[in-house]
Amino acid sequence: MSEIILENNEFLRQFEVKVSDSLARIEYAEQERKIFLTKIHIPDTVNDKSFEENFIIKVLEFIESKNLRVVPTSPRIAGFVRKNKAFKHLLPVGIKL
């Protein structure tokens, strides 16, 4: 799979990546220096198992570059952060997964 090019669609409040003829997206809500990652959608046409993980990493790196905190309310994203301790520093104080 080619490199992931992340777009932040602020109007629709979602991070987007074009995949073939489809759109993978992670929906979010922003509030007081925090981004709540609420839903992830990966098109059925994506067969690469590592795509979702790489997409989540790109989004978390973007959030970190903006000095924001992340609250993963999507179970799949929360599970990823739980397994990848390198991103736990992005959680707000008091949030444990």
Protein backbone atom coordinates (compact mmCIF):
# COMPACT_ATOMS: atom_id res chain seq x y z
CA MET A 1 0.00 0.00 0.00
CA SER A 2 1.23 3.50 -0.76
CA GLU A 3 1.97 6.15 1.83
CA ILE A 4 -1.01 7.44 3.80
CA ILE A 5 -1.83 11.08 3.04
CA LEU A 6 -3.97 12.40 5.87
CA GLU A 7 -6.51 15.20 5.35
CA ASN A 8 -8.24 16.99 8.22
CA ASN A 9 -11.76 17.82 7.02
CA GLU A 10 -12.69 20.37 9.69
CA PHE A 11 -16.11 21.02 8.16
CA LEU A 12 -17.20 17.36 8.52
CA ARG A 13 -14.99 16.90 11.63
CA GLN A 14 -13.17 13.87 10.32
CA PHE A 15 -9.71 12.76 9.31
CA GLU A 16 -9.72 11.29 5.82
CA VAL A 17 -7.49 9.13 3.67
CA LYS A 18 -8.27 8.28 0.06
CA VAL A 19 -7.96 4.55 -0.57
CA SER A 20 -8.48 3.37 -4.15
CA ASP A 21 -11.88 4.87 -4.98
CA SER A 22 -13.06 5.01 -1.38
CA LEU A 23 -12.58 7.14 1.70
CA ALA A 24 -11.34 5.88 5.06
CA ARG A 25 -12.25 8.21 7.90
CA ILE A 26 -12.01 8.78 11.62
CA GLU A 27 -14.72 11.06 12.96
CA TYR A 28 -13.95 13.39 15.85
CA ALA A 29 -15.33 16.05 18.16
CA GLU A 30 -13.09 18.81 19.50
CA GLN A 31 -13.49 20.42 22.90
CA GLU A 32 -11.07 22.44 25.05
CA ARG A 33 -7.71 21.23 23.67
CA LYS A 34 -9.03 17.66 23.43
CA ILE A 35 -10.05 15.60 20.41
CA PHE A 36 -12.56 12.83 20.98
CA LEU A 37 -12.07 10.12 18.32
CA THR A 38 -15.60 8.80 18.05
CA LYS A 39 -15.81 6.50 15.04
CA ILE A 40 -13.55 4.82 12.49
CA HIS A 41 -14.65 3.63 9.07
CA ILE A 42 -12.40 1.57 6.81
CA PRO A 43 -13.90 0.66 3.41
CA ASP A 44 -14.54 -3.03 2.77
CA THR A 45 -12.32 -2.79 -0.31
CA VAL A 46 -9.21 -2.34 1.89
CA ASN A 47 -7.61 -5.76 2.31
CA ASP A 48 -4.38 -4.60 3.95
CA LYS A 49 -4.63 -5.49 7.64
CA SER A 50 -1.99 -2.93 8.62
CA PHE A 51 -3.87 -0.02 6.98
CA GLU A 52 -6.13 0.68 9.98
CA GLU A 53 -3.18 0.68 12.37
CA ASN A 54 -1.14 3.01 10.13
CA PHE A 55 -4.15 5.32 9.71
CA ILE A 56 -4.63 5.56 13.49
CA ILE A 57 -0.90 6.26 13.95
CA LYS A 58 -1.04 9.11 11.40
CA VAL A 59 -4.04 10.65 13.19
CA LEU A 60 -2.37 10.38 16.61
CA GLU A 61 0.84 11.93 15.25
CA PHE A 62 -1.21 14.81 13.80
CA ILE A 63 -2.96 15.34 17.16
CA GLU A 64 0.41 15.31 18.95
CA SER A 65 1.84 17.88 16.52
CA LYS A 66 -1.02 20.24 17.46
CA ASN A 67 -0.31 19.80 21.20
CA LEU A 68 -3.78 18.39 21.81
CA ARG A 69 -4.94 15.52 24.00
CA VAL A 70 -6.88 12.57 22.65
CA VAL A 71 -9.89 10.79 24.12
CA PRO A 72 -10.55 7.63 22.09
CA THR A 73 -14.24 6.81 22.49
CA SER A 74 -14.21 4.38 19.55
CA PRO A 75 -13.51 0.87 20.94
CA ARG A 76 -11.14 0.05 18.07
CA ILE A 77 -9.07 3.21 18.58
CA ALA A 78 -9.10 2.81 22.38
CA GLY A 79 -7.85 -0.77 21.93
CA PHE A 80 -5.04 0.46 19.70
CA VAL A 81 -3.92 3.07 22.26
CA ARG A 82 -4.17 0.47 25.04
CA LYS A 83 -1.82 -1.87 23.13
CA ASN A 84 0.59 0.89 21.99
CA LYS A 85 1.94 2.52 25.10
CA ALA A 86 3.93 5.05 23.01
CA PHE A 87 0.68 7.03 22.55
CA LYS A 88 -0.61 6.93 26.13
CA HIS A 89 1.04 10.29 26.87
CA LEU A 90 -1.61 11.86 24.58
CA LEU A 91 -4.40 10.92 26.99
CA PRO A 92 -5.67 13.69 29.28
CA VAL A 93 -4.82 13.45 32.98
CA GLY A 94 -7.19 11.02 34.70
CA ILE A 95 -8.10 9.03 31.57
CA LYS A 96 -7.00 5.39 31.74
CA LEU A 97 -7.63 2.70 29.15
